[in-house]
Amino acid sequence: MTETAQPEAEQQGFEVIPHDDHLSRKCLRPGDARQAAAAAIQQAEEAIGQLSIHFDGWMEQEAARLAKARDMTLQTSMGAEALDELFQVAHDLKGQASTLGYPLAADICASLCRLIDRAPVPAELPGDLLSHHVDAVRAIARDHATGIENAKASALTEKLREVTEDYLAQIRSRVEAAEANAA
């Protein structure tokens, strides 16, 4: 747009904002996408590598937070607020643990979330099963059992998943039988 066109636009009630062409220099050009993606991934991996020295400490803090939420849940006899807090902490840890290098802790937290979420009567959840989940996460954090190759942690994770699924199946059967008897 020319210099003379600017005042004309203002007279008509709008403003012309000239564009700056510097953004076009930052855009990817055809053929650059793979290189840019590879560079971005490499930068992210380097950043995670630099932060990884802190992961063990973070994991231990998160495991302690989970234990505190579990303790409050048991102290309040599965009170709704405390159980919600336990679920939220487990859910957060489920999302973070793999990034922190603890995929088995993420799996255990997923099982714990499922247990809490799927229980028809949360107040009747078995405290010992909740505690086994939390204690397993704490043991994994304490022993720095990273990765999935730790045989004991893998076996424990699988067993907790099996027990949780068995418990939920039993509860579903009871609820269905009670509903059928009530009908």
Foldseek 3Di string as FASTA:
>chain_A
DDPVVQVVQVVVPDGDDDDDCPVVVVDDDPPCVVVVVVVVVVVVVVVLVVCLVCLLVVLLVLLVQLVVLLVVCVVVLNDVVSLVSNLVSLCVCLVCCVSNQANLLNLLSVLLNCLCVLQPDRSPRDSVLSVLSSVLSNVCSVVVVGDCPPVVSVVSSVVSNVVSVVVSVVNVVVVVVVVVVVD
